PDB file of N, CA and C in Angstrom:
ATOM      1  N   GLY A   1      17.182  38.703 -39.133  1.00  0.00           N
ATOM      2  CA  GLY A   1      18.441  38.003 -39.081  1.00  0.00           C
ATOM      3  C   GLY A   1      18.348  36.759 -38.227  1.00  0.00           C
ATOM      4  N   ARG A   2      19.410  36.005 -38.225  1.00  0.00           N
ATOM      5  CA  ARG A   2      19.451  34.798 -37.411  1.00  0.00           C
ATOM      6  C   ARG A   2      20.020  35.142 -36.047  1.00  0.00           C
ATOM      7  N   GLU A   3      19.172  35.107 -35.032  1.00  0.00           N
ATOM      8  CA  GLU A   3      19.577  35.512 -33.695  1.00  0.00           C
ATOM      9  C   GLU A   3      20.680  34.608 -33.136  1.00  0.00           C
ATOM     10  N   GLN A   4      20.648  33.327 -33.462  1.00  0.00           N
ATOM     11  CA  GLN A   4      21.607  32.413 -32.868  1.00  0.00           C
ATOM     12  C   GLN A   4      22.907  32.304 -33.643  1.00  0.00           C
ATOM     13  N   SER A   5      23.044  32.972 -34.768  1.00  0.00           N
ATOM     14  CA  SER A   5      24.258  32.836 -35.564  1.00  0.00           C
ATOM     15  C   SER A   5      25.495  33.249 -34.780  1.00  0.00           C
ATOM     16  N   HIS A   6      25.397  34.291 -33.963  1.00  0.00           N
ATOM     17  CA  HIS A   6      26.553  34.725 -33.194  1.00  0.00           C
ATOM     18  C   HIS A   6      26.784  33.866 -31.965  1.00  0.00           C
ATOM     19  N   LEU A   7      25.802  33.079 -31.560  1.00  0.00           N
ATOM     20  CA  LEU A   7      25.954  32.264 -30.365  1.00  0.00           C
ATOM     21  C   LEU A   7      26.865  31.075 -30.590  1.00  0.00           C
ATOM     22  N   SER A   8      26.870  30.538 -31.789  1.00  0.00           N
ATOM     23  CA  SER A   8      27.654  29.333 -32.033  1.00  0.00           C
ATOM     24  C   SER A   8      29.006  29.618 -32.673  1.00  0.00           C
ATOM     25  N   ARG A   9      29.267  30.845 -33.066  1.00  0.00           N
ATOM     26  CA  ARG A   9      30.480  31.131 -33.823  1.00  0.00           C
ATOM     27  C   ARG A   9      31.765  30.934 -33.028  1.00  0.00           C
ATOM     28  N   CYS A  10      31.703  31.034 -31.701  1.00  0.00           N
ATOM     29  CA  CYS A  10      32.921  30.917 -30.908  1.00  0.00           C
ATOM     30  C   CYS A  10      32.714  30.060 -29.670  1.00  0.00           C
ATOM     31  N   ASN A  11      31.685  29.263 -29.631  1.00  0.00           N
ATOM     32  CA  ASN A  11      31.367  28.480 -28.441  1.00  0.00           C
ATOM     33  C   ASN A  11      31.962  27.090 -28.561  1.00  0.00           C
ATOM     34  N   ASP A  12      33.285  26.978 -28.353  1.00  0.00           N
ATOM     35  CA  ASP A  12      33.949  25.693 -28.529  1.00  0.00           C
ATOM     36  C   ASP A  12      34.122  24.935 -27.219  1.00  0.00           C
ATOM     37  N   GLY A  13      34.027  25.619 -26.082  1.00  0.00           N
ATOM     38  CA  GLY A  13      34.096  24.962 -24.796  1.00  0.00           C
ATOM     39  C   GLY A  13      35.476  24.508 -24.360  1.00  0.00           C
ATOM     40  N   LYS A  14      36.522  24.830 -25.098  1.00  0.00           N
ATOM     41  CA  LYS A  14      37.868  24.404 -24.718  1.00  0.00           C
ATOM     42  C   LYS A  14      38.427  25.315 -23.642  1.00  0.00           C
ATOM     43  N   GLN A  15      39.170  24.737 -22.723  1.00  0.00           N
ATOM     44  CA  GLN A  15      39.783  25.499 -21.644  1.00  0.00           C
ATOM     45  C   GLN A  15      41.186  25.944 -22.058  1.00  0.00           C
ATOM     46  N   MET A  16      41.560  27.136 -21.620  1.00  0.00           N
ATOM     47  CA  MET A  16      42.901  27.642 -21.902  1.00  0.00           C
ATOM     48  C   MET A  16      43.695  27.611 -20.591  1.00  0.00           C
ATOM     49  N   THR A  17      44.987  27.398 -20.698  1.00  0.00           N
ATOM     50  CA  THR A  17      45.838  27.450 -19.516  1.00  0.00           C
ATOM     51  C   THR A  17      46.706  28.697 -19.597  1.00  0.00           C
ATOM     52  N   THR A  18      47.134  29.186 -18.439  1.00  0.00           N
ATOM     53  CA  THR A  18      48.009  30.354 -18.398  1.00  0.00           C
ATOM     54  C   THR A  18      49.395  29.947 -18.880  1.00  0.00           C
ATOM     55  N   GLN A  19      49.956  30.715 -19.774  1.00  0.00           N
ATOM     56  CA  GLN A  19      51.283  30.430 -20.286  1.00  0.00           C
ATOM     57  C   GLN A  19      52.227  31.544 -19.860  1.00  0.00           C
ATOM     58  N   VAL A  20      53.505  31.192 -19.773  1.00  0.00           N
ATOM     59  CA  VAL A  20      54.516  32.144 -19.334  1.00  0.00           C
ATOM     60  C   VAL A  20      55.502  32.366 -20.474  1.00  0.00           C
ATOM     61  N   ALA A  21      55.829  33.633 -20.707  1.00  0.00           N
ATOM     62  CA  ALA A  21      56.793  33.982 -21.747  1.00  0.00           C
ATOM     63  C   ALA A  21      58.201  33.617 -21.287  1.00  0.00           C
ATOM     64  N   ALA A  22      59.143  33.689 -22.209  1.00  0.00           N
ATOM     65  CA  ALA A  22      60.524  33.309 -21.919  1.00  0.00           C
ATOM     66  C   ALA A  22      61.109  34.100 -20.754  1.00  0.00           C
ATOM     67  N   GLY A  23      60.723  35.361 -20.599  1.00  0.00           N
ATOM     68  CA  GLY A  23      61.252  36.200 -19.525  1.00  0.00           C
ATOM     69  C   GLY A  23      60.588  35.969 -18.187  1.00  0.00           C
ATOM     70  N   GLY A  24      59.686  34.995 -18.112  1.00  0.00           N
ATOM     71  CA  GLY A  24      59.015  34.706 -16.855  1.00  0.00           C
ATOM     72  C   GLY A  24      57.744  35.513 -16.637  1.00  0.00           C
ATOM     73  N   GLN A  25      57.436  36.431 -17.548  1.00  0.00           N
ATOM     74  CA  GLN A  25      56.229  37.244 -17.423  1.00  0.00           C
ATOM     75  C   GLN A  25      55.045  36.482 -18.025  1.00  0.00           C
ATOM     76  N   PRO A  26      53.898  36.473 -17.330  1.00  0.00           N
ATOM     77  CA  PRO A  26      52.740  35.759 -17.879  1.00  0.00           C
ATOM     78  C   PRO A  26      52.159  36.487 -19.088  1.00  0.00           C
ATOM     79  N   PHE A  27      51.672  35.715 -20.026  1.00  0.00           N
ATOM     80  CA  PHE A  27      50.926  36.284 -21.139  1.00  0.00           C
ATOM     81  C   PHE A  27      49.581  36.747 -20.609  1.00  0.00           C
ATOM     82  N   ASP A  28      48.930  37.654 -21.329  1.00  0.00           N
ATOM     83  CA  ASP A  28      47.579  38.072 -20.993  1.00  0.00           C
ATOM     84  C   ASP A  28      46.672  36.852 -21.142  1.00  0.00           C
ATOM     85  N   ARG A  29      46.017  36.456 -20.086  1.00  0.00           N
ATOM     86  CA  ARG A  29      45.131  35.288 -20.108  1.00  0.00           C
ATOM     87  C   ARG A  29      44.020  35.502 -21.110  1.00  0.00           C
ATOM     88  N   MET A  30      43.744  34.494 -21.898  1.00  0.00           N
ATOM     89  CA  MET A  30      42.682  34.576 -22.894  1.00  0.00           C
ATOM     90  C   MET A  30      41.523  33.702 -22.424  1.00  0.00           C
ATOM     91  N   LEU A  31      40.326  34.293 -22.395  1.00  0.00           N
ATOM     92  CA  LEU A  31      39.146  33.637 -21.849  1.00  0.00           C
ATOM     93  C   LEU A  31      38.168  33.257 -22.951  1.00  0.00           C
ATOM     94  N   SER A  32      37.580  32.070 -22.827  1.00  0.00           N
ATOM     95  CA  SER A  32      36.532  31.636 -23.752  1.00  0.00           C
ATOM     96  C   SER A  32      35.226  32.333 -23.386  1.00  0.00           C
ATOM     97  N   VAL A  33      34.234  32.224 -24.254  1.00  0.00           N
ATOM     98  CA  VAL A  33      32.934  32.833 -23.983  1.00  0.00           C
ATOM     99  C   VAL A  33      32.323  32.217 -22.730  1.00  0.00           C
ATOM    100  N   LYS A  34      32.530  30.927 -22.510  1.00  0.00           N
ATOM    101  CA  LYS A  34      32.004  30.292 -21.299  1.00  0.00           C
ATOM    102  C   LYS A  34      32.677  30.849 -20.049  1.00  0.00           C
ATOM    103  N   GLU A  35      33.984  31.079 -20.142  1.00  0.00           N
ATOM    104  CA  GLU A  35      34.699  31.629 -18.991  1.00  0.00           C
ATOM    105  C   GLU A  35      34.266  33.064 -18.698  1.00  0.00           C
ATOM    106  N   VAL A  36      34.044  33.862 -19.734  1.00  0.00           N
ATOM    107  CA  VAL A  36      33.559  35.239 -19.531  1.00  0.00           C
ATOM    108  C   VAL A  36      32.180  35.192 -18.881  1.00  0.00           C
ATOM    109  N   ALA A  37      31.332  34.283 -19.341  1.00  0.00           N
ATOM    110  CA  ALA A  37      30.003  34.134 -18.742  1.00  0.00           C
ATOM    111  C   ALA A  37      30.113  33.778 -17.265  1.00  0.00           C
ATOM    112  N   GLU A  38      31.056  32.899 -16.928  1.00  0.00           N
ATOM    113  CA  GLU A  38      31.250  32.507 -15.530  1.00  0.00           C
ATOM    114  C   GLU A  38      31.745  33.677 -14.681  1.00  0.00           C
ATOM    115  N   VAL A  39      32.627  34.506 -15.239  1.00  0.00           N
ATOM    116  CA  VAL A  39      33.146  35.657 -14.492  1.00  0.00           C
ATOM    117  C   VAL A  39      32.007  36.557 -14.037  1.00  0.00           C
ATOM    118  N   PHE A  40      31.035  36.783 -14.928  1.00  0.00           N
ATOM    119  CA  PHE A  40      29.940  37.699 -14.629  1.00  0.00           C
ATOM    120  C   PHE A  40      28.678  36.990 -14.141  1.00  0.00           C
ATOM    121  N   SER A  41      28.731  35.666 -14.023  1.00  0.00           N
ATOM    122  CA  SER A  41      27.558  34.870 -13.606  1.00  0.00           C
ATOM    123  C   SER A  41      26.357  35.148 -14.504  1.00  0.00           C
ATOM    124  N   ILE A  42      26.615  35.121 -15.809  1.00  0.00           N
ATOM    125  CA  ILE A  42      25.562  35.330 -16.804  1.00  0.00           C
ATOM    126  C   ILE A  42      25.643  34.199 -17.827  1.00  0.00           C
ATOM    127  N   SER A  43      24.664  34.118 -18.685  1.00  0.00           N
ATOM    128  CA  SER A  43      24.653  33.083 -19.718  1.00  0.00           C
ATOM    129  C   SER A  43      25.572  33.471 -20.874  1.00  0.00           C
ATOM    130  N   VAL A  44      25.933  32.471 -21.658  1.00  0.00           N
ATOM    131  CA  VAL A  44      26.724  32.718 -22.863  1.00  0.00           C
ATOM    132  C   VAL A  44      25.960  33.663 -23.793  1.00  0.00           C
ATOM    133  N   ARG A  45      24.670  33.454 -23.915  1.00  0.00           N
ATOM    134  CA  ARG A  45      23.847  34.323 -24.766  1.00  0.00           C
ATOM    135  C   ARG A  45      23.930  35.776 -24.295  1.00  0.00           C
ATOM    136  N   GLU A  46      23.902  35.977 -22.973  1.00  0.00           N
ATOM    137  CA  GLU A  46      23.977  37.344 -22.438  1.00  0.00           C
ATOM    138  C   GLU A  46      25.345  37.973 -22.683  1.00  0.00           C
ATOM    139  N   VAL A  47      26.407  37.168 -22.705  1.00  0.00           N
ATOM    140  CA  VAL A  47      27.731  37.700 -23.065  1.00  0.00           C
ATOM    141  C   VAL A  47      27.651  38.331 -24.444  1.00  0.00           C
ATOM    142  N   TRP A  48      27.086  37.593 -25.413  1.00  0.00           N
ATOM    143  CA  TRP A  48      27.001  38.114 -26.786  1.00  0.00           C
ATOM    144  C   TRP A  48      26.098  39.336 -26.867  1.00  0.00           C
ATOM    145  N   ARG A  49      25.025  39.362 -26.080  1.00  0.00           N
ATOM    146  CA  ARG A  49      24.163  40.556 -26.053  1.00  0.00           C
ATOM    147  C   ARG A  49      24.957  41.769 -25.557  1.00  0.00           C
ATOM    148  N   LYS A  50      25.752  41.569 -24.510  1.00  0.00           N
ATOM    149  CA  LYS A  50      26.543  42.671 -23.957  1.00  0.00           C
ATOM    150  C   LYS A  50      27.625  43.125 -24.937  1.00  0.00           C
ATOM    151  N   VAL A  51      28.184  42.203 -25.707  1.00  0.00           N
ATOM    152  CA  VAL A  51      29.143  42.581 -26.752  1.00  0.00           C
ATOM    153  C   VAL A  51      28.430  43.430 -27.802  1.00  0.00           C
ATOM    154  N   ASP A  52      27.250  42.980 -28.231  1.00  0.00           N
ATOM    155  CA  ASP A  52      26.490  43.716 -29.247  1.00  0.00           C
ATOM    156  C   ASP A  52      26.110  45.117 -28.782  1.00  0.00           C
ATOM    157  N   ARG A  53      25.830  45.281 -27.469  1.00  0.00           N
ATOM    158  CA  ARG A  53      25.461  46.590 -26.911  1.00  0.00           C
ATOM    159  C   ARG A  53      26.668  47.455 -26.595  1.00  0.00           C
ATOM    160  N   GLY A  54      27.865  46.871 -26.638  1.00  0.00           N
ATOM    161  CA  GLY A  54      29.060  47.630 -26.298  1.00  0.00           C
ATOM    162  C   GLY A  54      29.396  47.606 -24.814  1.00  0.00           C
ATOM    163  N   ASP A  55      28.689  46.789 -24.032  1.00  0.00           N
ATOM    164  CA  ASP A  55      28.966  46.688 -22.603  1.00  0.00           C
ATOM    165  C   ASP A  55      30.186  45.821 -22.323  1.00  0.00           C
ATOM    166  N   LEU A  56      30.523  44.929 -23.234  1.00  0.00           N
ATOM    167  CA  LEU A  56      31.725  44.102 -23.150  1.00  0.00           C
ATOM    168  C   LEU A  56      32.527  44.303 -24.422  1.00  0.00           C
ATOM    169  N   PRO A  57      33.853  44.198 -24.322  1.00  0.00           N
ATOM    170  CA  PRO A  57      34.677  44.356 -25.535  1.00  0.00           C
ATOM    171  C   PRO A  57      34.454  43.203 -26.501  1.00  0.00           C
ATOM    172  N   ARG A  58      34.741  43.456 -27.774  1.00  0.00           N
ATOM    173  CA  ARG A  58      34.664  42.400 -28.769  1.00  0.00           C
ATOM    174  C   ARG A  58      35.823  41.435 -28.553  1.00  0.00           C
ATOM    175  N   PRO A  59      35.600  40.156 -28.807  1.00  0.00           N
ATOM    176  CA  PRO A  59      36.692  39.195 -28.640  1.00  0.00           C
ATOM    177  C   PRO A  59      37.708  39.305 -29.766  1.00  0.00           C
ATOM    178  N   VAL A  60      38.886  38.753 -29.522  1.00  0.00           N
ATOM    179  CA  VAL A  60      39.887  38.634 -30.578  1.00  0.00           C
ATOM    180  C   VAL A  60      39.735  37.245 -31.190  1.00  0.00           C
ATOM    181  N   LYS A  61      40.082  37.126 -32.451  1.00  0.00           N
ATOM    182  CA  LYS A  61      40.028  35.839 -33.129  1.00  0.00           C
ATOM    183  C   LYS A  61      41.396  35.181 -33.029  1.00  0.00           C
ATOM    184  N   VAL A  62      41.409  33.931 -32.637  1.00  0.00           N
ATOM    185  CA  VAL A  62      42.615  33.114 -32.604  1.00  0.00           C
ATOM    186  C   VAL A  62      42.301  31.908 -33.473  1.00  0.00           C
ATOM    187  N   GLY A  63      42.661  32.016 -34.747  1.00  0.00           N
ATOM    188  CA  GLY A  63      42.222  30.996 -35.697  1.00  0.00           C
ATOM    189  C   GLY A  63      40.712  31.062 -35.817  1.00  0.00           C
ATOM    190  N   ARG A  64      40.044  29.958 -35.522  1.00  0.00           N
ATOM    191  CA  ARG A  64      38.581  29.924 -35.566  1.00  0.00           C
ATOM    192  C   ARG A  64      37.955  30.259 -34.223  1.00  0.00           C
ATOM    193  N   LEU A  65      38.782  30.445 -33.206  1.00  0.00           N
ATOM    194  CA  LEU A  65      38.285  30.653 -31.850  1.00  0.00           C
ATOM    195  C   LEU A  65      38.122  32.134 -31.538  1.00  0.00           C
ATOM    196  N   CYS A  66      37.186  32.438 -30.647  1.00  0.00           N
ATOM    197  CA  CYS A  66      37.017  33.794 -30.110  1.00  0.00           C
ATOM    198  C   CYS A  66      37.500  33.780 -28.671  1.00  0.00           C
ATOM    199  N   ARG A  67      38.321  34.743 -28.319  1.00  0.00           N
ATOM    200  CA  ARG A  67      38.848  34.839 -26.961  1.00  0.00           C
ATOM    201  C   ARG A  67      38.842  36.296 -26.512  1.00  0.00           C
ATOM    202  N   TRP A  68      38.617  36.487 -25.218  1.00  0.00           N
ATOM    203  CA  TRP A  68      38.689  37.816 -24.611  1.00  0.00           C
ATOM    204  C   TRP A  68      39.977  37.901 -23.814  1.00  0.00           C
ATOM    205  N   LEU A  69      40.622  39.053 -23.870  1.00  0.00           N
ATOM    206  CA  LEU A  69      41.828  39.277 -23.088  1.00  0.00           C
ATOM    207  C   LEU A  69      41.432  39.519 -21.634  1.00  0.00           C
ATOM    208  N   GLY A  70      42.091  38.816 -20.743  1.00  0.00           N
ATOM    209  CA  GLY A  70      41.771  38.939 -19.326  1.00  0.00           C
ATOM    210  C   GLY A  70      41.887  40.361 -18.814  1.00  0.00           C
ATOM    211  N   THR A  71      42.873  41.099 -19.322  1.00  0.00           N
ATOM    212  CA  THR A  71      43.045  42.485 -18.861  1.00  0.00           C
ATOM    213  C   THR A  71      41.861  43.358 -19.283  1.00  0.00           C
ATOM    214  N   GLU A  72      41.280  43.082 -20.448  1.00  0.00           N
ATOM    215  CA  GLU A  72      40.113  43.859 -20.887  1.00  0.00           C
ATOM    216  C   GLU A  72      38.891  43.545 -20.028  1.00  0.00           C
ATOM    217  N   ILE A  73      38.733  42.284 -19.636  1.00  0.00           N
ATOM    218  CA  ILE A  73      37.621  41.912 -18.760  1.00  0.00           C
ATOM    219  C   ILE A  73      37.828  42.544 -17.381  1.00  0.00           C
ATOM    220  N   GLN A  74      39.070  42.573 -16.922  1.00  0.00           N
ATOM    221  CA  GLN A  74      39.363  43.214 -15.642  1.00  0.00           C
ATOM    222  C   GLN A  74      39.012  44.702 -15.679  1.00  0.00           C
ATOM    223  N   LYS A  75      39.261  45.367 -16.809  1.00  0.00           N
ATOM    224  CA  LYS A  75      38.901  46.782 -16.946  1.00  0.00           C
ATOM    225  C   LYS A  75      37.396  46.976 -16.850  1.00  0.00           C
ATOM    226  N   VAL A  76      36.627  46.051 -17.413  1.00  0.00           N
ATOM    227  CA  VAL A  76      35.166  46.125 -17.320  1.00  0.00           C
ATOM    228  C   VAL A  76      34.745  46.012 -15.858  1.00  0.00           C
ATOM    229  N   ILE A  77      35.357  45.082 -15.144  1.00  0.00           N
ATOM    230  CA  ILE A  77      35.033  44.910 -13.725  1.00  0.00           C
ATOM    231  C   ILE A  77      35.364  46.182 -12.945  1.00  0.00           C
ATOM    232  N   GLU A  78      36.520  46.781 -13.219  1.00  0.00           N
ATOM    233  CA  GLU A  78      36.899  48.022 -12.540  1.00  0.00           C
ATOM    234  C   GLU A  78      35.909  49.144 -12.858  1.00  0.00           C
ATOM    235  N   ARG A  79      35.475  49.226 -14.123  1.00  0.00           N
ATOM    236  CA  ARG A  79      34.492  50.248 -14.507  1.00  0.00           C
ATOM    237  C   ARG A  79      33.179  50.040 -13.759  1.00  0.00           C
ATOM    238  N   LEU A  80      32.747  48.785 -13.634  1.00  0.00           N
ATOM    239  CA  LEU A  80      31.513  48.498 -12.905  1.00  0.00           C
ATOM    240  C   LEU A  80      31.635  48.869 -11.426  1.00  0.00           C
ATOM    241  N   LYS A  81      32.801  48.622 -10.840  1.00  0.00           N
ATOM    242  CA  LYS A  81      33.025  49.003  -9.447  1.00  0.00           C
ATOM    243  C   LYS A  81      32.969  50.511  -9.281  1.00  0.00           C
ATOM    244  N   GLN A  82      33.549  51.243 -10.243  1.00  0.00           N
ATOM    245  CA  GLN A  82      33.504  52.712 -10.171  1.00  0.00           C
ATOM    246  C   GLN A  82      32.081  53.214 -10.304  1.00  0.00           C
ATOM    247  N   GLN A  83      31.289  52.587 -11.206  1.00  0.00           N
ATOM    248  CA  GLN A  83      29.885  52.980 -11.357  1.00  0.00           C
ATOM    249  C   GLN A  83      29.122  52.729 -10.059  1.00  0.00           C
ATOM    250  N   ARG A  84      29.395  51.594  -9.438  1.00  0.00           N
ATOM    251  CA  ARG A  84      28.732  51.255  -8.169  1.00  0.00           C
ATOM    252  C   ARG A  84      29.069  52.271  -7.092  1.00  0.00           C
ATOM    253  N   ASP A  85      30.321  52.705  -7.080  1.00  0.00           N
ATOM    254  CA  ASP A  85      30.789  53.616  -6.053  1.00  0.00           C
ATOM    255  C   ASP A  85      30.561  55.079  -6.404  1.00  0.00           C
ATOM    256  N   GLY A  86      29.764  55.332  -7.420  1.00  0.00           N
ATOM    257  CA  GLY A  86      29.441  56.702  -7.792  1.00  0.00           C
ATOM    258  C   GLY A  86      30.527  57.411  -8.546  1.00  0.00           C
ATOM    259  N   GLY A  87      31.402  56.644  -9.237  1.00  0.00           N
ATOM    260  CA  GLY A  87      32.444  57.246 -10.050  1.00  0.00           C
ATOM    261  C   GLY A  87      33.651  57.699  -9.269  1.00  0.00           C
ATOM    262  N   LYS A  88      33.724  57.357  -7.983  1.00  0.00           N
ATOM    263  CA  LYS A  88      34.876  57.759  -7.161  1.00  0.00           C
ATOM    264  C   LYS A  88      36.102  56.976  -7.610  1.00  0.00           C
ATOM    265  N   GLY A  89      37.136  57.693  -7.966  1.00  0.00           N
ATOM    266  CA  GLY A  89      38.355  57.051  -8.422  1.00  0.00           C
ATOM    267  C   GLY A  89      39.355  56.782  -7.327  1.00  0.00           C
ATOM    268  N   GLY A  90      39.137  57.313  -6.139  1.00  0.00           N
ATOM    269  CA  GLY A  90      40.043  57.097  -5.029  1.00  0.00           C
ATOM    270  C   GLY A  90      41.306  57.951  -5.096  1.00  0.00           C
ATOM    271  N   GLY A  91      41.402  58.844  -6.070  1.00  0.00           N
ATOM    272  CA  GLY A  91      42.599  59.653  -6.220  1.00  0.00           C
ATOM    273  C   GLY A  91      42.489  61.015  -5.586  1.00  0.00           C
ATOM    274  N   GLN A  92      41.524  61.216  -4.693  1.00  0.00           N
ATOM    275  CA  GLN A  92      41.350  62.528  -4.080  1.00  0.00           C
ATOM    276  C   GLN A  92      42.101  62.630  -2.794  1.00  0.00           C
TER     277      GLN A  92
END
């Protein structure tokens, strides 16, 4: 297969801004592949590898763009913290 086909499919480089709904509640922040890479200090290519392995959630499509929900990325970070801490949930 073409290894790079998935690398260019959503790499548009556009920045998203946080938007607020009518009730004053923020929408779930949507992150580009570059922003997800920055969160984890990894390359864009490694983001796609982690998606393929199931280590990161699949992005949602917004038209032609791929975006990750900020809350889903936060859950990954929380899971990694729990793994680091030996699975302690703090609820004891």
